[in-house]
Amino acid sequence: MMEKSPVFFADGSSTKMINAYKKAQETFKYFWREQSWEYRRIVPGLTVSCVKVAFTQEKPGSSELMVEHMWINEIDFDGDHIRGVLINQPNDITHIQVGDPVEVPLEEISDWLFAIYPSKQPKGLSKLFSSSPLPKAYGGFTIQVMREEMSKSDRKAHDNAWGLDFGDYNDIQVVNEQKLHPENLIEHPMSKNMKEKLIEFIQQYPSELTHTDEKGYTILHKETIAGNLTSVDVLLKAGADKNVKTQSGKTALDFARQMKWEHIIPMLESN
């Protein structure tokens, strides 16, 4: 879908655009929280899920850098590095192509975006005579900077090309149904809804509490990185060791502080 979308240009060095990059990096944790739950859904919920990365390369015969901001999807995140696959065809940069794997630290992303259909749909006869709502877009900080500079007609054309409801460029939301359920900023509803399932899982497979992957991550590390308060609480009460370190030397508390999950930090700091 993105390769067919019209290209809209904006000054990447403008104060507004630089602030958009910073905001995307600061709020990426909400993207990852949603994406981590998407991987667990039986029926996919997200219609779009991607991260924008700044790629650089020296111009031929010059020390001047070319910069292209392009999207990657199939996102994975370990608390430090974001991995994905490039989905845009570069215009000038030649060291990477569509389909190539990408790995960058969090501070090198310039945007993120996910979209999901509104949960409240028209019912009865009203549904038959209403147009289908577009998926609601979340994040998209650089996109909203560009939309702000467009005329109303260009903005409509842009949104139609994406097939998404970007909403008000002055009111960027970062979690699903943020207006309807502001408590979702604290915790993803699936974390609370899946509490009993997690308890049952740990009871059936207690070794999962101590299992580590090839990088030394435990289930506690992963749930902490995703900001799942209820899941972290269940794991700690089941006996998860919060002092286990990854191969890079980080505990779950280190990741909670790094991600600024303020609601989880006290739980991991306490005995």
C-alpha atoms as a PDB file:
ATOM      1  CA  MET A   1       0.000   0.000   0.000  1.00  0.00           C
ATOM      2  CA  MET A   2       2.771   2.442   0.879  1.00  0.00           C
ATOM      3  CA  GLU A   3       4.663   2.069  -2.385  1.00  0.00           C
ATOM      4  CA  LYS A   4       1.526   3.164  -4.265  1.00  0.00           C
ATOM      5  CA  SER A   5       0.888   6.160  -2.024  1.00  0.00           C
ATOM      6  CA  PRO A   6       1.678   9.661  -3.320  1.00  0.00           C
ATOM      7  CA  VAL A   7       4.930  11.109  -2.034  1.00  0.00           C
ATOM      8  CA  PHE A   8       4.620  14.257   0.066  1.00  0.00           C
ATOM      9  CA  PHE A   9       7.797  16.104   0.948  1.00  0.00           C
ATOM     10  CA  ALA A  10       8.603  18.038   4.109  1.00  0.00           C
ATOM     11  CA  ASP A  11      11.689  19.760   5.451  1.00  0.00           C
ATOM     12  CA  GLY A  12      13.352  17.133   7.624  1.00  0.00           C
ATOM     13  CA  SER A  13      15.481  19.784   9.352  1.00  0.00           C
ATOM     14  CA  SER A  14      12.531  21.925  10.461  1.00  0.00           C
ATOM     15  CA  THR A  15      11.895  22.338  14.174  1.00  0.00           C
ATOM     16  CA  LYS A  16       8.482  20.712  13.834  1.00  0.00           C
ATOM     17  CA  MET A  17       9.918  17.682  12.072  1.00  0.00           C
ATOM     18  CA  ILE A  18      12.782  17.268  14.545  1.00  0.00           C
ATOM     19  CA  ASN A  19      10.269  17.427  17.403  1.00  0.00           C
ATOM     20  CA  ALA A  20       8.203  14.786  15.606  1.00  0.00           C
ATOM     21  CA  TYR A  21      11.240  12.473  15.493  1.00  0.00           C
ATOM     22  CA  LYS A  22      11.781  12.933  19.226  1.00  0.00           C
ATOM     23  CA  LYS A  23       8.118  12.366  20.033  1.00  0.00           C
ATOM     24  CA  ALA A  24       8.102   9.154  17.996  1.00  0.00           C
ATOM     25  CA  GLN A  25      11.127   7.859  19.896  1.00  0.00           C
ATOM     26  CA  GLU A  26       9.651   8.817  23.275  1.00  0.00           C
ATOM     27  CA  THR A  27       6.335   7.085  22.560  1.00  0.00           C
ATOM     28  CA  PHE A  28       7.608   4.047  20.662  1.00  0.00           C
ATOM     29  CA  LYS A  29       6.897   1.954  23.756  1.00  0.00           C
ATOM     30  CA  TYR A  30       3.169   2.244  22.999  1.00  0.00           C
ATOM     31  CA  PHE A  31       3.728   1.007  19.464  1.00  0.00           C
ATOM     32  CA  TRP A  32       5.663  -1.985  20.732  1.00  0.00           C
ATOM     33  CA  ARG A  33       3.065  -2.747  23.394  1.00  0.00           C
ATOM     34  CA  GLU A  34       0.360  -2.904  20.728  1.00  0.00           C
ATOM     35  CA  GLN A  35       2.540  -4.873  18.315  1.00  0.00           C
ATOM     36  CA  SER A  36       3.519  -7.417  20.960  1.00  0.00           C
ATOM     37  CA  TRP A  37      -0.147  -8.125  21.631  1.00  0.00           C
ATOM     38  CA  GLU A  38      -0.861  -8.282  17.914  1.00  0.00           C
ATOM     39  CA  TYR A  39       1.528 -11.218  17.640  1.00  0.00           C
ATOM     40  CA  ARG A  40      -0.612 -13.064  20.191  1.00  0.00           C
ATOM     41  CA  ARG A  41      -3.988 -12.388  18.601  1.00  0.00           C
ATOM     42  CA  ILE A  42      -5.683 -15.286  16.848  1.00  0.00           C
ATOM     43  CA  VAL A  43      -7.464 -12.831  14.547  1.00  0.00           C
ATOM     44  CA  PRO A  44      -5.172  -9.946  13.470  1.00  0.00           C
ATOM     45  CA  GLY A  45      -6.355  -6.519  14.583  1.00  0.00           C
ATOM     46  CA  LEU A  46      -3.852  -4.136  13.011  1.00  0.00           C
ATOM     47  CA  THR A  47      -4.255  -3.126   9.379  1.00  0.00           C
ATOM     48  CA  VAL A  48      -0.973  -1.193   9.357  1.00  0.00           C
ATOM     49  CA  SER A  49       2.059  -1.582  11.600  1.00  0.00           C
ATOM     50  CA  CYS A  50       5.372  -0.006  10.630  1.00  0.00           C
ATOM     51  CA  VAL A  51       8.305   2.089  11.794  1.00  0.00           C
ATOM     52  CA  LYS A  52      10.122   4.826   9.893  1.00  0.00           C
ATOM     53  CA  VAL A  53      13.925   4.809   9.960  1.00  0.00           C
ATOM     54  CA  ALA A  54      16.461   7.372   8.772  1.00  0.00           C
ATOM     55  CA  PHE A  55      18.944   5.777   6.348  1.00  0.00           C
ATOM     56  CA  THR A  56      22.130   7.625   5.403  1.00  0.00           C
ATOM     57  CA  GLN A  57      24.774   7.267   2.720  1.00  0.00           C
ATOM     58  CA  GLU A  58      27.527   9.498   1.387  1.00  0.00           C
ATOM     59  CA  LYS A  59      26.880  11.087  -1.976  1.00  0.00           C
ATOM     60  CA  PRO A  60      29.164   9.691  -4.687  1.00  0.00           C
ATOM     61  CA  GLY A  61      32.363  11.726  -4.825  1.00  0.00           C
ATOM     62  CA  SER A  62      31.363  13.798  -1.809  1.00  0.00           C
ATOM     63  CA  SER A  63      31.449  13.653   1.973  1.00  0.00           C
ATOM     64  CA  GLU A  64      27.917  15.053   2.081  1.00  0.00           C
ATOM     65  CA  LEU A  65      25.316  12.657   3.454  1.00  0.00           C
ATOM     66  CA  MET A  66      22.108  11.675   1.728  1.00  0.00           C
ATOM     67  CA  VAL A  67      19.229  10.909   4.113  1.00  0.00           C
ATOM     68  CA  GLU A  68      16.087   8.942   3.294  1.00  0.00           C
ATOM     69  CA  HIS A  69      13.373   8.185   5.805  1.00  0.00           C
ATOM     70  CA  MET A  70      11.767   4.847   4.904  1.00  0.00           C
ATOM     71  CA  TRP A  71       9.335   2.422   6.488  1.00  0.00           C
ATOM     72  CA  ILE A  72      10.022  -1.051   7.842  1.00  0.00           C
ATOM     73  CA  ASN A  73       7.526  -3.669   9.036  1.00  0.00           C
ATOM     74  CA  GLU A  74       7.572  -7.150  10.649  1.00  0.00           C
ATOM     75  CA  ILE A  75       8.841  -5.329  13.715  1.00  0.00           C
ATOM     76  CA  ASP A  76      10.681  -6.941  16.602  1.00  0.00           C
ATOM     77  CA  PHE A  77      12.124  -5.127  19.612  1.00  0.00           C
ATOM     78  CA  ASP A  78      14.368  -6.283  22.452  1.00  0.00           C
ATOM     79  CA  GLY A  79      14.325  -3.099  24.525  1.00  0.00           C
ATOM     80  CA  ASP A  80      17.415  -1.727  22.771  1.00  0.00           C
ATOM     81  CA  HIS A  81      17.217  -2.447  19.040  1.00  0.00           C
ATOM     82  CA  ILE A  82      14.374  -2.439  16.535  1.00  0.00           C
ATOM     83  CA  ARG A  83      14.414  -5.006  13.752  1.00  0.00           C
ATOM     84  CA  GLY A  84      12.279  -5.197  10.650  1.00  0.00           C
ATOM     85  CA  VAL A  85      12.159  -5.457   6.872  1.00  0.00           C
ATOM     86  CA  LEU A  86      12.366  -2.502   4.474  1.00  0.00           C
ATOM     87  CA  ILE A  87       9.112  -1.942   2.544  1.00  0.00           C
ATOM     88  CA  ASN A  88       9.983   1.244   0.572  1.00  0.00           C
ATOM     89  CA  GLN A  89      12.057   1.413  -2.592  1.00  0.00           C
ATOM     90  CA  PRO A  90      14.925   3.877  -1.959  1.00  0.00           C
ATOM     91  CA  ASN A  91      15.178   6.855  -4.309  1.00  0.00           C
ATOM     92  CA  ASP A  92      18.907   7.552  -4.001  1.00  0.00           C
ATOM     93  CA  ILE A  93      20.406   5.305  -1.361  1.00  0.00           C
ATOM     94  CA  THR A  94      21.890   2.160  -2.882  1.00  0.00           C
ATOM     95  CA  HIS A  95      23.146   0.063   0.040  1.00  0.00           C
ATOM     96  CA  ILE A  96      19.702  -1.267   0.901  1.00  0.00           C
ATOM     97  CA  GLN A  97      16.696  -2.502  -1.064  1.00  0.00           C
ATOM     98  CA  VAL A  98      13.093  -3.521  -0.489  1.00  0.00           C
ATOM     99  CA  GLY A  99      12.940  -6.735   1.530  1.00  0.00           C
ATOM    100  CA  ASP A 100      16.308  -6.268   3.224  1.00  0.00           C
ATOM    101  CA  PRO A 101      16.505  -6.828   6.991  1.00  0.00           C
ATOM    102  CA  VAL A 102      17.050  -3.711   9.103  1.00  0.00           C
ATOM    103  CA  GLU A 103      18.325  -3.330  12.659  1.00  0.00           C
ATOM    104  CA  VAL A 104      18.669   0.060  14.354  1.00  0.00           C
ATOM    105  CA  PRO A 105      18.791   1.418  17.906  1.00  0.00           C
ATOM    106  CA  LEU A 106      15.640   3.136  19.134  1.00  0.00           C
ATOM    107  CA  GLU A 107      17.183   6.594  18.795  1.00  0.00           C
ATOM    108  CA  GLU A 108      17.483   6.166  15.020  1.00  0.00           C
ATOM    109  CA  ILE A 109      13.778   5.870  14.253  1.00  0.00           C
ATOM    110  CA  SER A 110      11.900   8.898  12.999  1.00  0.00           C
ATOM    111  CA  ASP A 111       8.298   7.706  13.278  1.00  0.00           C
ATOM    112  CA  TRP A 112       5.944   4.822  13.945  1.00  0.00           C
ATOM    113  CA  LEU A 113       2.410   4.071  12.885  1.00  0.00           C
ATOM    114  CA  PHE A 114      -0.247   1.490  13.550  1.00  0.00           C
ATOM    115  CA  ALA A 115      -3.892   1.441  12.523  1.00  0.00           C
ATOM    116  CA  ILE A 116      -6.884  -0.516  13.728  1.00  0.00           C
ATOM    117  CA  TYR A 117     -10.598  -0.443  12.988  1.00  0.00           C
ATOM    118  CA  PRO A 118     -12.785   1.242  15.620  1.00  0.00           C
ATOM    119  CA  SER A 119     -14.399  -1.319  17.901  1.00  0.00           C
ATOM    120  CA  LYS A 120     -17.782   0.434  17.884  1.00  0.00           C
ATOM    121  CA  GLN A 121     -19.529  -0.261  14.577  1.00  0.00           C
ATOM    122  CA  PRO A 122     -23.028   0.843  13.478  1.00  0.00           C
ATOM    123  CA  LYS A 123     -25.712  -1.711  14.272  1.00  0.00           C
ATOM    124  CA  GLY A 124     -28.909  -2.819  12.601  1.00  0.00           C
ATOM    125  CA  LEU A 125     -30.282  -0.800   9.685  1.00  0.00           C
ATOM    126  CA  SER A 126     -27.893   2.066  10.397  1.00  0.00           C
ATOM    127  CA  LYS A 127     -24.994  -0.234   9.511  1.00  0.00           C
ATOM    128  CA  LEU A 128     -26.536  -1.004   6.114  1.00  0.00           C
ATOM    129  CA  PHE A 129     -26.775   2.662   5.198  1.00  0.00           C
ATOM    130  CA  SER A 130     -23.509   3.898   6.674  1.00  0.00           C
ATOM    131  CA  SER A 131     -20.138   3.940   4.974  1.00  0.00           C
ATOM    132  CA  SER A 132     -17.554   1.608   6.473  1.00  0.00           C
ATOM    133  CA  PRO A 133     -15.261   3.467   8.866  1.00  0.00           C
ATOM    134  CA  LEU A 134     -11.596   3.644   7.949  1.00  0.00           C
ATOM    135  CA  PRO A 135      -8.989   2.165  10.263  1.00  0.00           C
ATOM    136  CA  LYS A 136      -7.925   4.725  12.859  1.00  0.00           C
ATOM    137  CA  ALA A 137      -4.244   5.705  12.697  1.00  0.00           C
ATOM    138  CA  TYR A 138      -2.112   6.113  15.811  1.00  0.00           C
ATOM    139  CA  GLY A 139       1.292   7.748  15.943  1.00  0.00           C
ATOM    140  CA  GLY A 140       2.405   9.046  12.557  1.00  0.00           C
ATOM    141  CA  PHE A 141       4.074  12.152  13.996  1.00  0.00           C
ATOM    142  CA  THR A 142       5.994  13.090  10.836  1.00  0.00           C
ATOM    143  CA  ILE A 143       2.904  12.380   8.753  1.00  0.00           C
ATOM    144  CA  GLN A 144       0.897  14.823  10.840  1.00  0.00           C
ATOM    145  CA  VAL A 145       3.567  17.512  10.380  1.00  0.00           C
ATOM    146  CA  MET A 146       3.153  17.097   6.618  1.00  0.00           C
ATOM    147  CA  ARG A 147      -0.652  16.990   6.839  1.00  0.00           C
ATOM    148  CA  GLU A 148      -0.634  20.273   8.738  1.00  0.00           C
ATOM    149  CA  GLU A 149       1.076  21.965   5.784  1.00  0.00           C
ATOM    150  CA  MET A 150      -1.420  20.596   3.220  1.00  0.00           C
ATOM    151  CA  SER A 151      -4.566  22.184   1.938  1.00  0.00           C
ATOM    152  CA  LYS A 152      -7.806  20.521   2.971  1.00  0.00           C
ATOM    153  CA  SER A 153      -8.167  18.854  -0.444  1.00  0.00           C
ATOM    154  CA  ASP A 154      -4.547  17.612  -0.442  1.00  0.00           C
ATOM    155  CA  ARG A 155      -5.017  16.281   3.057  1.00  0.00           C
ATOM    156  CA  LYS A 156      -8.082  14.351   1.949  1.00  0.00           C
ATOM    157  CA  ALA A 157      -6.206  12.934  -1.051  1.00  0.00           C
ATOM    158  CA  HIS A 158      -3.320  11.938   1.184  1.00  0.00           C
ATOM    159  CA  ASP A 159      -5.599  10.151   3.648  1.00  0.00           C
ATOM    160  CA  ASN A 160      -7.503   8.393   0.879  1.00  0.00           C
ATOM    161  CA  ALA A 161      -4.212   7.180  -0.619  1.00  0.00           C
ATOM    162  CA  TRP A 162      -3.304   5.598   2.701  1.00  0.00           C
ATOM    163  CA  GLY A 163      -6.860   4.400   3.325  1.00  0.00           C
ATOM    164  CA  LEU A 164      -6.612   5.542   6.946  1.00  0.00           C
ATOM    165  CA  ASP A 165      -8.334   7.965   9.291  1.00  0.00           C
ATOM    166  CA  PHE A 166      -5.482  10.189  10.501  1.00  0.00           C
ATOM    167  CA  GLY A 167      -7.816  12.442  12.451  1.00  0.00           C
ATOM    168  CA  ASP A 168      -6.746  15.858  13.712  1.00  0.00           C
ATOM    169  CA  TYR A 169      -3.071  16.665  13.129  1.00  0.00           C
ATOM    170  CA  ASN A 170      -3.171  18.670  16.388  1.00  0.00           C
ATOM    171  CA  ASP A 171      -4.386  15.689  18.400  1.00  0.00           C
ATOM    172  CA  ILE A 172      -2.067  12.712  17.842  1.00  0.00           C
ATOM    173  CA  GLN A 173      -3.092   9.621  19.787  1.00  0.00           C
ATOM    174  CA  VAL A 174      -0.746   6.804  20.741  1.00  0.00           C
ATOM    175  CA  VAL A 175      -2.995   4.041  22.116  1.00  0.00           C
ATOM    176  CA  ASN A 176      -6.139   2.420  20.768  1.00  0.00           C
ATOM    177  CA  GLU A 177      -9.370   4.140  21.852  1.00  0.00           C
ATOM    178  CA  GLN A 178      -7.382   6.683  23.842  1.00  0.00           C
ATOM    179  CA  LYS A 179     -10.265   9.148  23.977  1.00  0.00           C
ATOM    180  CA  LEU A 180     -12.846   6.565  25.001  1.00  0.00           C
ATOM    181  CA  HIS A 181     -10.575   4.709  27.423  1.00  0.00           C
ATOM    182  CA  PRO A 182      -7.744   6.973  28.691  1.00  0.00           C
ATOM    183  CA  GLU A 183      -6.805   4.209  31.134  1.00  0.00           C
ATOM    184  CA  ASN A 184      -5.345   2.380  28.130  1.00  0.00           C
ATOM    185  CA  LEU A 185      -2.369   4.719  28.436  1.00  0.00           C
ATOM    186  CA  ILE A 186      -1.507   2.932  31.679  1.00  0.00           C
ATOM    187  CA  GLU A 187      -2.070  -0.627  30.562  1.00  0.00           C
ATOM    188  CA  HIS A 188      -3.200  -2.490  27.475  1.00  0.00           C
ATOM    189  CA  PRO A 189      -6.648  -4.041  28.064  1.00  0.00           C
ATOM    190  CA  MET A 190      -5.424  -7.422  26.832  1.00  0.00           C
ATOM    191  CA  SER A 191      -2.909  -7.550  29.685  1.00  0.00           C
ATOM    192  CA  LYS A 192      -5.776  -7.375  32.171  1.00  0.00           C
ATOM    193  CA  ASN A 193      -8.100  -9.624  30.173  1.00  0.00           C
ATOM    194  CA  MET A 194      -5.490 -12.358  29.780  1.00  0.00           C
ATOM    195  CA  LYS A 195      -4.550 -12.485  33.477  1.00  0.00           C
ATOM    196  CA  GLU A 196      -6.256 -15.796  34.223  1.00  0.00           C
ATOM    197  CA  LYS A 197      -4.854 -17.380  31.052  1.00  0.00           C
ATOM    198  CA  LEU A 198      -1.343 -16.372  32.085  1.00  0.00           C
ATOM    199  CA  ILE A 199      -1.859 -17.791  35.578  1.00  0.00           C
ATOM    200  CA  GLU A 200      -3.033 -21.088  34.070  1.00  0.00           C
ATOM    201  CA  PHE A 201      -0.095 -21.125  31.640  1.00  0.00           C
ATOM    202  CA  ILE A 202       2.473 -20.678  34.406  1.00  0.00           C
ATOM    203  CA  GLN A 203       0.792 -23.340  36.539  1.00  0.00           C
ATOM    204  CA  GLN A 204       0.941 -25.791  33.636  1.00  0.00           C
ATOM    205  CA  TYR A 205       4.446 -24.840  32.522  1.00  0.00           C
ATOM    206  CA  PRO A 206       6.329 -23.538  35.593  1.00  0.00           C
ATOM    207  CA  SER A 207       9.671 -23.894  33.803  1.00  0.00           C
ATOM    208  CA  GLU A 208       8.672 -20.915  31.630  1.00  0.00           C
ATOM    209  CA  LEU A 209       9.403 -18.663  34.611  1.00  0.00           C
ATOM    210  CA  THR A 210      13.103 -19.490  34.430  1.00  0.00           C
ATOM    211  CA  HIS A 211      13.447 -20.180  30.706  1.00  0.00           C
ATOM    212  CA  THR A 212      15.765 -17.807  28.852  1.00  0.00           C
ATOM    213  CA  ASP A 213      16.033 -17.296  25.103  1.00  0.00           C
ATOM    214  CA  GLU A 214      19.269 -17.129  23.116  1.00  0.00           C
ATOM    215  CA  LYS A 215      19.906 -13.576  24.382  1.00  0.00           C
ATOM    216  CA  GLY A 216      19.122 -14.351  28.005  1.00  0.00           C
ATOM    217  CA  TYR A 217      15.657 -12.781  28.077  1.00  0.00           C
ATOM    218  CA  THR A 218      13.046 -14.271  30.410  1.00  0.00           C
ATOM    219  CA  ILE A 219       9.296 -13.896  30.111  1.00  0.00           C
ATOM    220  CA  LEU A 220       9.565 -11.231  32.828  1.00  0.00           C
ATOM    221  CA  HIS A 221      11.985  -9.207  30.698  1.00  0.00           C
ATOM    222  CA  LYS A 222       9.632  -9.377  27.717  1.00  0.00           C
ATOM    223  CA  GLU A 223       6.461  -8.485  29.596  1.00  0.00           C
ATOM    224  CA  THR A 224       8.268  -5.584  31.247  1.00  0.00           C
ATOM    225  CA  ILE A 225       9.523  -4.199  27.941  1.00  0.00           C
ATOM    226  CA  ALA A 226       5.943  -4.336  26.636  1.00  0.00           C
ATOM    227  CA  GLY A 227       4.657  -2.470  29.694  1.00  0.00           C
ATOM    228  CA  ASN A 228       2.223  -5.167  30.822  1.00  0.00           C
ATOM    229  CA  LEU A 229       1.646  -4.359  34.504  1.00  0.00           C
ATOM    230  CA  THR A 230      -0.803  -7.193  35.232  1.00  0.00           C
ATOM    231  CA  SER A 231       1.427  -9.749  33.518  1.00  0.00           C
ATOM    232  CA  VAL A 232       4.481  -8.574  35.466  1.00  0.00           C
ATOM    233  CA  ASP A 233       2.501  -8.813  38.707  1.00  0.00           C
ATOM    234  CA  VAL A 234       1.377 -12.372  37.903  1.00  0.00           C
ATOM    235  CA  LEU A 235       4.931 -13.444  37.064  1.00  0.00           C
ATOM    236  CA  LEU A 236       6.440 -11.966  40.214  1.00  0.00           C
ATOM    237  CA  LYS A 237       3.799 -13.553  42.415  1.00  0.00           C
ATOM    238  CA  ALA A 238       4.485 -16.875  40.683  1.00  0.00           C
ATOM    239  CA  GLY A 239       8.149 -16.620  41.635  1.00  0.00           C
ATOM    240  CA  ALA A 240       9.863 -15.031  38.638  1.00  0.00           C
ATOM    241  CA  ASP A 241      13.387 -13.873  39.499  1.00  0.00           C
ATOM    242  CA  LYS A 242      13.603 -10.151  38.775  1.00  0.00           C
ATOM    243  CA  ASN A 243      17.392 -10.188  39.209  1.00  0.00           C
ATOM    244  CA  VAL A 244      18.071 -12.320  36.124  1.00  0.00           C
ATOM    245  CA  LYS A 245      20.178 -10.432  33.600  1.00  0.00           C
ATOM    246  CA  THR A 246      20.193 -10.693  29.830  1.00  0.00           C
ATOM    247  CA  GLN A 247      23.446 -11.324  27.983  1.00  0.00           C
ATOM    248  CA  SER A 248      23.752  -7.546  27.701  1.00  0.00           C
ATOM    249  CA  GLY A 249      23.573  -7.336  31.510  1.00  0.00           C
ATOM    250  CA  LYS A 250      20.072  -5.903  31.976  1.00  0.00           C
ATOM    251  CA  THR A 251      17.413  -6.847  34.491  1.00  0.00           C
ATOM    252  CA  ALA A 252      13.679  -6.336  34.041  1.00  0.00           C
ATOM    253  CA  LEU A 253      13.980  -3.223  36.217  1.00  0.00           C
ATOM    254  CA  ASP A 254      16.660  -1.830  33.912  1.00  0.00           C
ATOM    255  CA  PHE A 255      14.249  -2.152  30.995  1.00  0.00           C
ATOM    256  CA  ALA A 256      11.354  -0.665  32.963  1.00  0.00           C
ATOM    257  CA  ARG A 257      13.459   2.408  33.709  1.00  0.00           C
ATOM    258  CA  GLN A 258      14.809   2.565  30.163  1.00  0.00           C
ATOM    259  CA  MET A 259      11.298   2.414  28.677  1.00  0.00           C
ATOM    260  CA  LYS A 260       9.979   4.781  31.361  1.00  0.00           C
ATOM    261  CA  TRP A 261       7.173   2.416  32.362  1.00  0.00           C
ATOM    262  CA  GLU A 262       6.529   4.367  35.551  1.00  0.00           C
ATOM    263  CA  HIS A 263       3.703   2.047  36.662  1.00  0.00           C
ATOM    264  CA  ILE A 264       6.002  -1.003  36.600  1.00  0.00           C
ATOM    265  CA  ILE A 265       9.184   0.433  38.144  1.00  0.00           C
ATOM    266  CA  PRO A 266       7.896   0.437  41.768  1.00  0.00           C
ATOM    267  CA  MET A 267       6.747  -3.173  41.475  1.00  0.00           C
ATOM    268  CA  LEU A 268      10.209  -4.292  40.385  1.00  0.00           C
ATOM    269  CA  GLU A 269      11.962  -2.097  42.938  1.00  0.00           C
ATOM    270  CA  SER A 270      10.010  -3.542  45.873  1.00  0.00           C
ATOM    271  CA  ASN A 271      10.777  -6.875  47.544  1.00  0.00           C
END
